[in-house]
Amino acid sequence: MIEFHEAGYGYGGRELLTEMSLTLAPGSFHFLTGPSGAGKTTFLKLCYRELQATAGRVSIFGEDTRQMERDEVANLRRRIGVVHQDCQFLDHLSLVDNVALPLSVSGRERDERDLEDLLNWVGLSEQAKAHPPELSGGERQRAALARAVIMSPEVILADEPTGNVDWEMSLRLLQLLIELNRMGKTVVIATHDLHLIRQAKAQVQARVLRISNRRIQQAGADL
């Protein structure tokens, strides 16, 4: 599904990631760990072609990302949902309109019943008409997850989704991501929270990818 072949990324003469060879298989669940500044966000951006590898090759859905035209990149991103670290929303739009925004951008018809079901799934039905500044950190994170899955993507990439919420909300977000994986979605969570990874042990067969010395190391045993 997403394959790295001796891939690396750098700029300005500085090498951030190097010699990465791994496959994120369909339906797999991965945690991506490493200290701040190690390159977790960069790795995720390579996974949805926000960045292009400066060495080696990255293939997504069987296509070499270096060969993709603009329309192919747009189509690719409809198949990958991203929960960004900063949860960017349009403050003048309601929560439900923010969640539905990818549908508008892609020209797809909006189904109010599907939207209602999705907001209910993330526990935000009562906040549907609220605007982003009125939401708590946990509500914003759940809204970001809803927006990421509105297009029914095959892959979910979450960049520190629990970084700004309390433990109870972290577990709630983790449970939602585990449910997506059980539906067959490939899930990658970038996090520095080892407690969160341990919490997943009893619920999902996950692998840990650790960035160290600019390289990806697979932790070995399943959690």
N, C-alpha and C. Protein backbone atom coordinates (compact mmCIF):
# COMPACT_ATOMS: atom_id res chain seq x y z
N MET A 1 0.83 -1.21 0.00
CA MET A 1 0.00 0.00 0.00
C MET A 1 0.87 1.26 0.00
N ILE A 2 1.71 1.41 1.03
CA ILE A 2 2.71 2.48 1.05
C ILE A 2 4.07 1.82 1.25
N GLU A 3 4.95 2.02 0.30
CA GLU A 3 6.25 1.35 0.34
C GLU A 3 7.39 2.36 0.24
N PHE A 4 8.37 2.19 1.09
CA PHE A 4 9.59 2.99 1.07
C PHE A 4 10.74 2.10 0.61
N HIS A 5 11.44 2.55 -0.43
CA HIS A 5 12.55 1.79 -0.98
C HIS A 5 13.83 2.61 -0.84
N GLU A 6 14.58 2.35 0.22
CA GLU A 6 15.82 3.11 0.48
C GLU A 6 15.56 4.61 0.38
N ALA A 7 14.43 5.03 0.87
CA ALA A 7 14.01 6.42 0.72
C ALA A 7 14.63 7.32 1.78
N GLY A 8 14.83 8.56 1.42
CA GLY A 8 15.34 9.55 2.35
C GLY A 8 14.79 10.92 2.01
N TYR A 9 14.94 11.83 2.96
CA TYR A 9 14.48 13.20 2.72
C TYR A 9 15.43 14.17 3.40
N GLY A 10 15.78 15.23 2.68
CA GLY A 10 16.62 16.27 3.24
C GLY A 10 16.44 17.56 2.45
N TYR A 11 16.92 18.63 3.00
CA TYR A 11 16.89 19.91 2.29
C TYR A 11 17.99 20.80 2.83
N GLY A 12 18.43 21.72 2.00
CA GLY A 12 19.48 22.65 2.40
C GLY A 12 20.75 21.98 2.84
N GLY A 13 21.04 20.81 2.24
CA GLY A 13 22.24 20.08 2.59
C GLY A 13 22.13 19.28 3.88
N ARG A 14 20.94 19.31 4.52
CA ARG A 14 20.75 18.58 5.77
C ARG A 14 19.87 17.35 5.52
N GLU A 15 20.34 16.21 5.95
CA GLU A 15 19.60 14.96 5.78
C GLU A 15 18.75 14.71 7.02
N LEU A 16 17.41 14.66 6.84
CA LEU A 16 16.52 14.44 7.98
C LEU A 16 16.19 12.98 8.19
N LEU A 17 15.92 12.27 7.09
CA LEU A 17 15.61 10.84 7.14
C LEU A 17 16.39 10.16 6.03
N THR A 18 16.83 8.93 6.28
CA THR A 18 17.66 8.26 5.29
C THR A 18 17.47 6.75 5.33
N GLU A 19 17.71 6.11 4.19
CA GLU A 19 17.76 4.65 4.06
C GLU A 19 16.54 3.96 4.68
N MET A 20 15.34 4.45 4.36
CA MET A 20 14.12 3.85 4.89
C MET A 20 13.57 2.83 3.90
N SER A 21 13.46 1.58 4.34
CA SER A 21 12.87 0.52 3.53
C SER A 21 11.85 -0.22 4.39
N LEU A 22 10.58 -0.01 4.09
CA LEU A 22 9.52 -0.66 4.84
C LEU A 22 8.22 -0.58 4.04
N THR A 23 7.27 -1.40 4.46
CA THR A 23 5.95 -1.42 3.82
C THR A 23 4.87 -1.27 4.88
N LEU A 24 3.93 -0.38 4.61
CA LEU A 24 2.73 -0.25 5.43
C LEU A 24 1.63 -1.00 4.70
N ALA A 25 1.34 -2.21 5.15
CA ALA A 25 0.44 -3.11 4.44
C ALA A 25 -1.03 -2.73 4.67
N PRO A 26 -1.91 -3.12 3.76
CA PRO A 26 -3.35 -2.86 3.95
C PRO A 26 -3.85 -3.46 5.27
N GLY A 27 -4.58 -2.66 6.03
CA GLY A 27 -5.16 -3.14 7.28
C GLY A 27 -4.20 -3.20 8.46
N SER A 28 -2.99 -2.71 8.29
CA SER A 28 -2.01 -2.75 9.38
C SER A 28 -2.20 -1.55 10.32
N PHE A 29 -1.61 -1.66 11.50
CA PHE A 29 -1.70 -0.61 12.52
C PHE A 29 -0.28 -0.34 13.01
N HIS A 30 0.16 0.89 12.87
CA HIS A 30 1.53 1.25 13.25
C HIS A 30 1.54 2.46 14.18
N PHE A 31 2.42 2.39 15.18
CA PHE A 31 2.76 3.57 15.96
C PHE A 31 4.13 4.05 15.49
N LEU A 32 4.27 5.35 15.29
CA LEU A 32 5.53 5.96 14.88
C LEU A 32 6.05 6.79 16.04
N THR A 33 7.21 6.43 16.56
CA THR A 33 7.75 7.10 17.73
C THR A 33 9.11 7.72 17.42
N GLY A 34 9.57 8.52 18.36
CA GLY A 34 10.85 9.19 18.22
C GLY A 34 10.80 10.53 18.92
N PRO A 35 11.94 11.06 19.32
CA PRO A 35 11.96 12.35 20.03
C PRO A 35 11.47 13.49 19.14
N SER A 36 11.10 14.59 19.77
CA SER A 36 10.69 15.78 19.01
C SER A 36 11.79 16.18 18.04
N GLY A 37 11.39 16.48 16.81
CA GLY A 37 12.37 16.86 15.80
C GLY A 37 13.02 15.70 15.08
N ALA A 38 12.61 14.47 15.41
CA ALA A 38 13.24 13.30 14.79
C ALA A 38 12.81 13.11 13.34
N GLY A 39 11.63 13.65 12.98
CA GLY A 39 11.17 13.51 11.61
C GLY A 39 9.85 12.77 11.47
N LYS A 40 9.08 12.66 12.55
CA LYS A 40 7.80 11.94 12.47
C LYS A 40 6.84 12.61 11.49
N THR A 41 6.69 13.93 11.61
CA THR A 41 5.79 14.64 10.70
C THR A 41 6.29 14.56 9.26
N THR A 42 7.59 14.65 9.07
CA THR A 42 8.17 14.51 7.73
C THR A 42 7.84 13.15 7.14
N PHE A 43 7.96 12.10 7.94
CA PHE A 43 7.64 10.75 7.47
C PHE A 43 6.18 10.68 7.02
N LEU A 44 5.28 11.21 7.83
CA LEU A 44 3.86 11.18 7.47
C LEU A 44 3.61 11.96 6.18
N LYS A 45 4.27 13.10 6.02
CA LYS A 45 4.10 13.89 4.80
C LYS A 45 4.57 13.13 3.56
N LEU A 46 5.59 12.31 3.72
CA LEU A 46 6.02 11.46 2.61
C LEU A 46 4.96 10.42 2.28
N CYS A 47 4.18 10.01 3.30
CA CYS A 47 3.15 8.98 3.12
C CYS A 47 1.94 9.48 2.34
N TYR A 48 1.72 10.81 2.32
CA TYR A 48 0.60 11.30 1.53
C TYR A 48 1.05 12.32 0.48
N ARG A 49 2.32 12.28 0.19
CA ARG A 49 2.93 13.03 -0.91
C ARG A 49 2.82 14.55 -0.76
N GLU A 50 2.79 14.99 0.52
CA GLU A 50 2.97 16.42 0.78
C GLU A 50 4.41 16.80 0.51
N LEU A 51 5.31 15.84 0.79
CA LEU A 51 6.73 15.95 0.46
C LEU A 51 7.11 14.80 -0.46
N GLN A 52 8.14 14.99 -1.25
CA GLN A 52 8.68 13.93 -2.08
C GLN A 52 10.05 13.53 -1.57
N ALA A 53 10.33 12.25 -1.61
CA ALA A 53 11.64 11.76 -1.19
C ALA A 53 12.73 12.39 -2.05
N THR A 54 13.81 12.77 -1.41
CA THR A 54 14.96 13.32 -2.14
C THR A 54 15.99 12.25 -2.45
N ALA A 55 15.76 11.04 -1.92
CA ALA A 55 16.61 9.89 -2.24
C ALA A 55 15.73 8.65 -2.21
N GLY A 56 16.09 7.65 -3.01
CA GLY A 56 15.29 6.43 -3.04
C GLY A 56 13.92 6.67 -3.64
N ARG A 57 12.95 5.85 -3.23
CA ARG A 57 11.64 5.90 -3.86
C ARG A 57 10.55 5.61 -2.84
N VAL A 58 9.41 6.28 -3.00
CA VAL A 58 8.21 6.00 -2.22
C VAL A 58 7.09 5.66 -3.19
N SER A 59 6.42 4.53 -2.95
CA SER A 59 5.29 4.11 -3.78
C SER A 59 4.03 4.11 -2.92
N ILE A 60 2.96 4.69 -3.43
CA ILE A 60 1.68 4.73 -2.72
C ILE A 60 0.63 4.14 -3.64
N PHE A 61 -0.06 3.12 -3.17
CA PHE A 61 -1.05 2.39 -3.97
C PHE A 61 -0.44 1.93 -5.30
N GLY A 62 0.81 1.51 -5.22
CA GLY A 62 1.49 0.95 -6.39
C GLY A 62 2.06 1.96 -7.36
N GLU A 63 1.94 3.25 -7.06
CA GLU A 63 2.43 4.29 -7.96
C GLU A 63 3.64 5.01 -7.36
N ASP A 64 4.65 5.20 -8.17
CA ASP A 64 5.83 5.96 -7.76
C ASP A 64 5.43 7.43 -7.60
N THR A 65 5.61 7.98 -6.41
CA THR A 65 5.15 9.35 -6.16
C THR A 65 5.87 10.38 -7.02
N ARG A 66 7.06 10.04 -7.50
CA ARG A 66 7.80 11.00 -8.35
C ARG A 66 7.15 11.16 -9.72
N GLN A 67 6.37 10.15 -10.13
CA GLN A 67 5.78 10.17 -11.47
C GLN A 67 4.36 10.72 -11.49
N MET A 68 3.82 11.11 -10.34
CA MET A 68 2.42 11.51 -10.26
C MET A 68 2.18 12.92 -10.79
N GLU A 69 1.12 13.04 -11.59
CA GLU A 69 0.66 14.35 -12.03
C GLU A 69 -0.25 14.95 -10.95
N ARG A 70 -0.61 16.22 -11.11
CA ARG A 70 -1.39 16.92 -10.09
C ARG A 70 -2.72 16.21 -9.81
N ASP A 71 -3.42 15.78 -10.86
CA ASP A 71 -4.70 15.10 -10.67
C ASP A 71 -4.54 13.78 -9.93
N GLU A 72 -3.43 13.10 -10.20
CA GLU A 72 -3.17 11.83 -9.51
C GLU A 72 -2.89 12.06 -8.04
N VAL A 73 -2.21 13.14 -7.70
CA VAL A 73 -1.96 13.48 -6.31
C VAL A 73 -3.28 13.79 -5.60
N ALA A 74 -4.15 14.55 -6.27
CA ALA A 74 -5.45 14.89 -5.69
C ALA A 74 -6.26 13.63 -5.42
N ASN A 75 -6.25 12.69 -6.36
CA ASN A 75 -6.97 11.44 -6.18
C ASN A 75 -6.38 10.62 -5.04
N LEU A 76 -5.06 10.61 -4.95
CA LEU A 76 -4.37 9.90 -3.88
C LEU A 76 -4.81 10.42 -2.51
N ARG A 77 -4.94 11.71 -2.38
CA ARG A 77 -5.26 12.29 -1.07
C ARG A 77 -6.71 12.06 -0.67
N ARG A 78 -7.55 11.71 -1.63
CA ARG A 78 -8.91 11.32 -1.27
C ARG A 78 -8.92 9.94 -0.63
N ARG A 79 -7.86 9.18 -0.85
CA ARG A 79 -7.78 7.82 -0.31
C ARG A 79 -7.00 7.76 1.00
N ILE A 80 -6.47 8.90 1.42
CA ILE A 80 -5.70 8.97 2.67
C ILE A 80 -6.25 10.09 3.54
N GLY A 81 -6.69 9.76 4.73
CA GLY A 81 -7.18 10.75 5.67
C GLY A 81 -6.08 11.15 6.64
N VAL A 82 -5.92 12.45 6.85
CA VAL A 82 -4.84 12.94 7.71
C VAL A 82 -5.41 13.76 8.87
N VAL A 83 -5.02 13.40 10.08
CA VAL A 83 -5.35 14.19 11.28
C VAL A 83 -4.09 14.98 11.61
N HIS A 84 -4.12 16.27 11.30
CA HIS A 84 -2.94 17.11 11.50
C HIS A 84 -2.76 17.48 12.97
N GLN A 85 -1.53 17.77 13.33
CA GLN A 85 -1.20 18.09 14.71
C GLN A 85 -1.89 19.37 15.17
N ASP A 86 -2.10 20.31 14.26
CA ASP A 86 -2.63 21.62 14.66
C ASP A 86 -4.14 21.75 14.43
N CYS A 87 -4.82 20.71 13.91
CA CYS A 87 -6.29 20.72 13.76
C CYS A 87 -6.82 22.00 13.14
N GLN A 88 -6.34 22.38 12.01
CA GLN A 88 -6.77 23.64 11.41
C GLN A 88 -8.23 23.58 10.95
N PHE A 89 -9.01 24.59 11.36
CA PHE A 89 -10.41 24.69 10.96
C PHE A 89 -10.67 26.11 10.46
N LEU A 90 -11.78 26.27 9.76
CA LEU A 90 -12.24 27.59 9.35
C LEU A 90 -13.21 28.09 10.42
N ASP A 91 -12.80 29.12 11.15
CA ASP A 91 -13.56 29.55 12.32
C ASP A 91 -14.95 30.09 11.99
N HIS A 92 -15.17 30.55 10.76
CA HIS A 92 -16.48 31.10 10.42
C HIS A 92 -17.48 30.01 10.03
N LEU A 93 -17.01 28.76 9.92
CA LEU A 93 -17.90 27.65 9.59
C LEU A 93 -18.23 26.85 10.85
N SER A 94 -19.42 26.25 10.87
CA SER A 94 -19.80 25.39 11.99
C SER A 94 -18.97 24.11 11.96
N LEU A 95 -19.03 23.36 13.05
CA LEU A 95 -18.29 22.11 13.13
C LEU A 95 -18.70 21.18 11.99
N VAL A 96 -20.01 21.01 11.77
CA VAL A 96 -20.46 20.08 10.74
C VAL A 96 -20.01 20.54 9.36
N ASP A 97 -19.98 21.85 9.11
CA ASP A 97 -19.52 22.34 7.81
C ASP A 97 -18.01 22.15 7.65
N ASN A 98 -17.26 22.28 8.72
CA ASN A 98 -15.83 22.00 8.66
C ASN A 98 -15.57 20.53 8.36
N VAL A 99 -16.31 19.65 9.02
CA VAL A 99 -16.14 18.22 8.80
C VAL A 99 -16.47 17.86 7.35
N ALA A 100 -17.51 18.51 6.79
CA ALA A 100 -17.95 18.20 5.43
C ALA A 100 -17.12 18.89 4.34
N LEU A 101 -16.18 19.72 4.73
CA LEU A 101 -15.43 20.51 3.75
C LEU A 101 -14.74 19.67 2.68
N PRO A 102 -14.12 18.52 3.01
CA PRO A 102 -13.51 17.72 1.94
C PRO A 102 -14.50 17.28 0.87
N LEU A 103 -15.76 17.07 1.25
CA LEU A 103 -16.77 16.71 0.26
C LEU A 103 -17.00 17.87 -0.71
N SER A 104 -17.08 19.09 -0.16
CA SER A 104 -17.30 20.27 -1.00
C SER A 104 -16.13 20.48 -1.96
N VAL A 105 -14.93 20.33 -1.44
CA VAL A 105 -13.73 20.56 -2.26
C VAL A 105 -13.64 19.55 -3.40
N SER A 106 -14.07 18.31 -3.14
CA SER A 106 -13.97 17.26 -4.16
C SER A 106 -15.19 17.22 -5.09
N GLY A 107 -16.21 18.04 -4.77
CA GLY A 107 -17.40 18.06 -5.60
C GLY A 107 -18.39 16.95 -5.32
N ARG A 108 -18.22 16.27 -4.21
CA ARG A 108 -19.13 15.19 -3.85
C ARG A 108 -20.37 15.74 -3.15
N GLU A 109 -21.48 15.02 -3.33
CA GLU A 109 -22.73 15.43 -2.71
C GLU A 109 -22.68 15.17 -1.21
N ARG A 110 -23.23 16.07 -0.46
CA ARG A 110 -23.27 15.96 0.99
C ARG A 110 -24.54 15.24 1.43
N ASP A 111 -24.36 14.19 2.24
CA ASP A 111 -25.49 13.43 2.77
C ASP A 111 -25.64 13.76 4.25
N GLU A 112 -26.71 14.46 4.60
CA GLU A 112 -26.88 14.92 5.98
C GLU A 112 -27.00 13.76 6.97
N ARG A 113 -27.60 12.67 6.54
CA ARG A 113 -27.73 11.52 7.43
C ARG A 113 -26.36 10.90 7.72
N ASP A 114 -25.54 10.77 6.68
CA ASP A 114 -24.19 10.23 6.89
C ASP A 114 -23.38 11.14 7.81
N LEU A 115 -23.52 12.45 7.63
CA LEU A 115 -22.82 13.40 8.49
C LEU A 115 -23.28 13.27 9.94
N GLU A 116 -24.57 13.11 10.11
CA GLU A 116 -25.12 12.95 11.47
C GLU A 116 -24.57 11.68 12.12
N ASP A 117 -24.51 10.60 11.35
CA ASP A 117 -23.97 9.34 11.87
C ASP A 117 -22.50 9.49 12.25
N LEU A 118 -21.76 10.20 11.40
CA LEU A 118 -20.33 10.38 11.66
C LEU A 118 -20.10 11.20 12.93
N LEU A 119 -20.83 12.29 13.09
CA LEU A 119 -20.69 13.11 14.30
C LEU A 119 -21.12 12.34 15.53
N ASN A 120 -22.13 11.50 15.40
CA ASN A 120 -22.55 10.67 16.52
C ASN A 120 -21.44 9.68 16.90
N TRP A 121 -20.77 9.13 15.87
CA TRP A 121 -19.67 8.17 16.10
C TRP A 121 -18.55 8.80 16.92
N VAL A 122 -18.22 10.05 16.64
CA VAL A 122 -17.15 10.71 17.40
C VAL A 122 -17.68 11.47 18.62
N GLY A 123 -18.98 11.34 18.88
CA GLY A 123 -19.55 11.94 20.08
C GLY A 123 -19.71 13.45 20.01
N LEU A 124 -20.01 13.97 18.82
CA LEU A 124 -20.11 15.42 18.67
C LEU A 124 -21.45 15.87 18.09
N SER A 125 -22.47 15.07 18.20
CA SER A 125 -23.77 15.43 17.64
C SER A 125 -24.29 16.75 18.20
N GLU A 126 -24.11 16.94 19.51
CA GLU A 126 -24.65 18.14 20.14
C GLU A 126 -23.86 19.40 19.79
N GLN A 127 -22.65 19.24 19.28
CA GLN A 127 -21.81 20.39 18.93
C GLN A 127 -21.83 20.69 17.44
N ALA A 128 -22.72 20.05 16.68
CA ALA A 128 -22.72 20.15 15.22
C ALA A 128 -22.75 21.60 14.73
N LYS A 129 -23.52 22.46 15.40
CA LYS A 129 -23.67 23.84 14.96
C LYS A 129 -22.67 24.80 15.63
N ALA A 130 -21.86 24.28 16.54
CA ALA A 130 -20.87 25.12 17.21
C ALA A 130 -19.74 25.49 16.24
N HIS A 131 -19.06 26.59 16.55
CA HIS A 131 -17.92 27.02 15.74
C HIS A 131 -16.61 26.62 16.44
N PRO A 132 -15.55 26.44 15.68
CA PRO A 132 -14.29 25.93 16.25
C PRO A 132 -13.82 26.63 17.53
N PRO A 133 -13.90 27.97 17.64
CA PRO A 133 -13.42 28.59 18.88
C PRO A 133 -14.21 28.19 20.12
N GLU A 134 -15.40 27.63 19.92
CA GLU A 134 -16.24 27.22 21.05
C GLU A 134 -15.93 25.80 21.51
N LEU A 135 -15.09 25.09 20.80
CA LEU A 135 -14.83 23.68 21.09
C LEU A 135 -13.64 23.52 22.02
N SER A 136 -13.69 22.46 22.83
CA SER A 136 -12.55 22.11 23.67
C SER A 136 -11.49 21.42 22.83
N GLY A 137 -10.31 21.21 23.42
CA GLY A 137 -9.23 20.54 22.69
C GLY A 137 -9.63 19.14 22.23
N GLY A 138 -10.30 18.39 23.12
CA GLY A 138 -10.73 17.04 22.76
C GLY A 138 -11.78 17.03 21.68
N GLU A 139 -12.69 18.00 21.73
CA GLU A 139 -13.72 18.11 20.69
C GLU A 139 -13.10 18.44 19.34
N ARG A 140 -12.11 19.32 19.35
CA ARG A 140 -11.43 19.68 18.10
C ARG A 140 -10.72 18.46 17.50
N GLN A 141 -10.08 17.66 18.37
CA GLN A 141 -9.37 16.48 17.88
C GLN A 141 -10.34 15.47 17.28
N ARG A 142 -11.48 15.28 17.93
CA ARG A 142 -12.47 14.33 17.40
C ARG A 142 -13.08 14.86 16.10
N ALA A 143 -13.28 16.18 16.02
CA ALA A 143 -13.76 16.77 14.78
C ALA A 143 -12.74 16.58 13.66
N ALA A 144 -11.47 16.72 13.99
CA ALA A 144 -10.41 16.53 13.00
C ALA A 144 -10.40 15.09 12.49
N LEU A 145 -10.65 14.14 13.39
CA LEU A 145 -10.72 12.74 12.97
C LEU A 145 -11.92 12.51 12.06
N ALA A 146 -13.06 13.10 12.43
CA ALA A 146 -14.26 12.97 11.59
C ALA A 146 -14.01 13.53 10.19
N ARG A 147 -13.36 14.68 10.13
CA ARG A 147 -13.05 15.30 8.83
C ARG A 147 -12.10 14.40 8.02
N ALA A 148 -11.17 13.75 8.71
CA ALA A 148 -10.19 12.91 8.02
C ALA A 148 -10.83 11.67 7.40
N VAL A 149 -11.95 11.19 7.97
CA VAL A 149 -12.54 9.95 7.47
C VAL A 149 -13.80 10.19 6.64
N ILE A 150 -14.19 11.44 6.44
CA ILE A 150 -15.43 11.76 5.73
C ILE A 150 -15.44 11.21 4.31
N MET A 151 -14.27 11.05 3.69
CA MET A 151 -14.18 10.55 2.31
C MET A 151 -13.99 9.03 2.25
N SER A 152 -14.15 8.36 3.40
CA SER A 152 -13.95 6.90 3.49
C SER A 152 -12.59 6.48 2.96
N PRO A 153 -11.51 7.06 3.50
CA PRO A 153 -10.17 6.74 3.01
C PRO A 153 -9.74 5.33 3.41
N GLU A 154 -8.73 4.83 2.71
CA GLU A 154 -8.18 3.51 3.01
C GLU A 154 -7.08 3.58 4.07
N VAL A 155 -6.49 4.75 4.22
CA VAL A 155 -5.38 4.95 5.15
C VAL A 155 -5.70 6.15 6.04
N ILE A 156 -5.41 6.02 7.34
CA ILE A 156 -5.56 7.13 8.28
C ILE A 156 -4.20 7.43 8.89
N LEU A 157 -3.72 8.65 8.72
CA LEU A 157 -2.46 9.10 9.31
C LEU A 157 -2.77 10.14 10.37
N ALA A 158 -2.34 9.90 11.60
CA ALA A 158 -2.64 10.82 12.71
C ALA A 158 -1.34 11.30 13.34
N ASP A 159 -1.14 12.61 13.30
CA ASP A 159 0.09 13.22 13.80
C ASP A 159 -0.12 13.76 15.21
N GLU A 160 0.38 13.03 16.20
CA GLU A 160 0.23 13.40 17.62
C GLU A 160 -1.23 13.76 17.95
N PRO A 161 -2.18 12.86 17.66
CA PRO A 161 -3.59 13.21 17.86
C PRO A 161 -3.98 13.40 19.31
N THR A 162 -3.16 12.89 20.24
CA THR A 162 -3.49 13.02 21.66
C THR A 162 -2.55 13.97 22.39
N GLY A 163 -1.78 14.74 21.64
CA GLY A 163 -0.75 15.58 22.25
C GLY A 163 -1.27 16.68 23.15
N ASN A 164 -2.50 17.17 22.89
CA ASN A 164 -3.01 18.32 23.65
C ASN A 164 -4.29 18.01 24.42
N VAL A 165 -4.51 16.72 24.71
CA VAL A 165 -5.72 16.34 25.44
C VAL A 165 -5.35 15.49 26.66
N ASP A 166 -6.30 15.36 27.59
CA ASP A 166 -6.04 14.59 28.79
C ASP A 166 -6.08 13.09 28.50
N TRP A 167 -5.75 12.28 29.52
CA TRP A 167 -5.62 10.84 29.32
C TRP A 167 -6.95 10.20 28.91
N GLU A 168 -8.03 10.63 29.54
CA GLU A 168 -9.34 10.06 29.20
C GLU A 168 -9.69 10.29 27.74
N MET A 169 -9.43 11.51 27.26
CA MET A 169 -9.70 11.80 25.86
C MET A 169 -8.72 11.08 24.94
N SER A 170 -7.49 10.91 25.39
CA SER A 170 -6.52 10.15 24.61
C SER A 170 -7.01 8.73 24.35
N LEU A 171 -7.56 8.11 25.40
CA LEU A 171 -8.08 6.75 25.25
C LEU A 171 -9.29 6.71 24.32
N ARG A 172 -10.11 7.74 24.38
CA ARG A 172 -11.28 7.80 23.50
C ARG A 172 -10.86 7.91 22.04
N LEU A 173 -9.89 8.76 21.78
CA LEU A 173 -9.39 8.91 20.41
C LEU A 173 -8.73 7.62 19.93
N LEU A 174 -7.96 6.98 20.82
CA LEU A 174 -7.33 5.72 20.47
C LEU A 174 -8.38 4.68 20.10
N GLN A 175 -9.46 4.63 20.87
CA GLN A 175 -10.52 3.66 20.60
C GLN A 175 -11.14 3.88 19.23
N LEU A 176 -11.34 5.13 18.86
CA LEU A 176 -11.90 5.45 17.54
C LEU A 176 -10.96 4.98 16.42
N LEU A 177 -9.67 5.18 16.62
CA LEU A 177 -8.69 4.77 15.61
C LEU A 177 -8.61 3.24 15.53
N ILE A 178 -8.73 2.57 16.66
CA ILE A 178 -8.75 1.10 16.65
C ILE A 178 -9.99 0.60 15.91
N GLU A 179 -11.12 1.24 16.12
CA GLU A 179 -12.34 0.86 15.40
C GLU A 179 -12.17 1.01 13.90
N LEU A 180 -11.51 2.08 13.48
CA LEU A 180 -11.25 2.26 12.04
C LEU A 180 -10.38 1.14 11.50
N ASN A 181 -9.37 0.74 12.27
CA ASN A 181 -8.50 -0.36 11.86
C ASN A 181 -9.29 -1.66 11.74
N ARG A 182 -10.22 -1.88 12.64
CA ARG A 182 -11.04 -3.10 12.58
C ARG A 182 -11.96 -3.11 11.37
N MET A 183 -12.21 -1.92 10.82
CA MET A 183 -12.98 -1.82 9.57
C MET A 183 -12.11 -2.09 8.34
N GLY A 184 -10.82 -2.33 8.56
CA GLY A 184 -9.91 -2.62 7.47
C GLY A 184 -9.01 -1.48 7.05
N LYS A 185 -9.10 -0.36 7.77
CA LYS A 185 -8.26 0.79 7.42
C LYS A 185 -6.83 0.59 7.92
N THR A 186 -5.88 1.06 7.14
CA THR A 186 -4.49 1.13 7.60
C THR A 186 -4.36 2.38 8.46
N VAL A 187 -3.77 2.22 9.65
CA VAL A 187 -3.66 3.34 10.59
C VAL A 187 -2.20 3.53 11.00
N VAL A 188 -1.76 4.78 10.95
CA VAL A 188 -0.42 5.13 11.44
C VAL A 188 -0.58 6.31 12.40
N ILE A 189 -0.14 6.13 13.64
CA ILE A 189 -0.23 7.17 14.66
C ILE A 189 1.17 7.59 15.07
N ALA A 190 1.51 8.84 14.83
CA ALA A 190 2.77 9.39 15.33
C ALA A 190 2.54 9.86 16.76
N THR A 191 3.33 9.38 17.68
CA THR A 191 3.16 9.75 19.08
C THR A 191 4.45 9.56 19.86
N HIS A 192 4.60 10.34 20.93
CA HIS A 192 5.71 10.12 21.86
C HIS A 192 5.20 9.50 23.15
N ASP A 193 3.89 9.19 23.20
CA ASP A 193 3.25 8.71 24.42
C ASP A 193 3.32 7.18 24.48
N LEU A 194 4.29 6.66 25.20
CA LEU A 194 4.45 5.21 25.31
C LEU A 194 3.32 4.57 26.09
N HIS A 195 2.69 5.33 27.01
CA HIS A 195 1.54 4.80 27.74
C HIS A 195 0.40 4.50 26.79
N LEU A 196 0.22 5.34 25.79
CA LEU A 196 -0.83 5.13 24.80
C LEU A 196 -0.57 3.86 24.00
N ILE A 197 0.69 3.64 23.64
CA ILE A 197 1.05 2.44 22.89
C ILE A 197 0.78 1.19 23.73
N ARG A 198 1.16 1.24 25.00
CA ARG A 198 0.92 0.08 25.88
C ARG A 198 -0.56 -0.18 26.05
N GLN A 199 -1.36 0.88 26.08
CA GLN A 199 -2.80 0.73 26.26
C GLN A 199 -3.43 -0.02 25.09
N ALA A 200 -2.82 0.11 23.92
CA ALA A 200 -3.36 -0.54 22.73
C ALA A 200 -3.07 -2.04 22.70
N LYS A 201 -2.18 -2.49 23.56
CA LYS A 201 -1.67 -3.86 23.50
C LYS A 201 -2.77 -4.92 23.47
N ALA A 202 -3.76 -4.77 24.33
CA ALA A 202 -4.80 -5.80 24.45
C ALA A 202 -5.86 -5.72 23.36
N GLN A 203 -5.82 -4.65 22.56
CA GLN A 203 -6.92 -4.43 21.63
C GLN A 203 -6.56 -4.58 20.16
N VAL A 204 -5.32 -4.36 19.82
CA VAL A 204 -4.97 -4.35 18.40
C VAL A 204 -3.55 -4.87 18.22
N GLN A 205 -3.35 -5.56 17.10
CA GLN A 205 -2.01 -6.05 16.76
C GLN A 205 -1.29 -4.92 16.04
N ALA A 206 -0.40 -4.28 16.74
CA ALA A 206 0.26 -3.09 16.19
C ALA A 206 1.76 -3.29 16.12
N ARG A 207 2.38 -2.53 15.26
CA ARG A 207 3.84 -2.51 15.17
C ARG A 207 4.33 -1.12 15.55
N VAL A 208 5.50 -1.08 16.12
CA VAL A 208 6.10 0.20 16.48
C VAL A 208 7.26 0.50 15.54
N LEU A 209 7.20 1.65 14.92
CA LEU A 209 8.30 2.15 14.09
C LEU A 209 8.97 3.27 14.88
N ARG A 210 10.26 3.17 15.07
CA ARG A 210 10.98 4.17 15.86
C ARG A 210 12.01 4.88 14.98
N ILE A 211 11.95 6.21 14.99
CA ILE A 211 12.95 6.99 14.25
C ILE A 211 14.13 7.26 15.17
N SER A 212 15.30 6.81 14.75
CA SER A 212 16.52 7.01 15.54
C SER A 212 17.68 7.21 14.58
N ASN A 213 18.45 8.24 14.81
CA ASN A 213 19.60 8.53 13.94
C ASN A 213 19.20 8.60 12.46
N ARG A 214 18.06 9.25 12.22
CA ARG A 214 17.54 9.53 10.88
C ARG A 214 17.02 8.30 10.15
N ARG A 215 16.95 7.17 10.85
CA ARG A 215 16.49 5.93 10.24
C ARG A 215 15.26 5.39 10.96
N ILE A 216 14.48 4.62 10.21
CA ILE A 216 13.32 3.94 10.79
C ILE A 216 13.76 2.57 11.29
N GLN A 217 13.47 2.31 12.55
CA GLN A 217 13.75 1.00 13.14
C GLN A 217 12.44 0.35 13.53
N GLN A 218 12.23 -0.88 13.12
CA GLN A 218 11.03 -1.61 13.52
C GLN A 218 11.29 -2.29 14.84
N ALA A 219 10.39 -2.07 15.79
CA ALA A 219 10.63 -2.53 17.15
C ALA A 219 10.66 -4.04 17.29
N GLY A 220 10.13 -4.76 16.30
CA GLY A 220 10.24 -6.21 16.36
C GLY A 220 8.94 -6.86 16.76
N ALA A 221 8.76 -7.10 18.04
CA ALA A 221 7.61 -7.86 18.50
C ALA A 221 6.33 -7.04 18.37
N ASP A 222 5.26 -7.76 18.10
CA ASP A 222 3.94 -7.11 18.11
C ASP A 222 3.61 -6.68 19.52
N LEU A 223 2.88 -5.57 19.63
CA LEU A 223 2.41 -5.15 20.95
C LEU A 223 1.34 -6.11 21.43
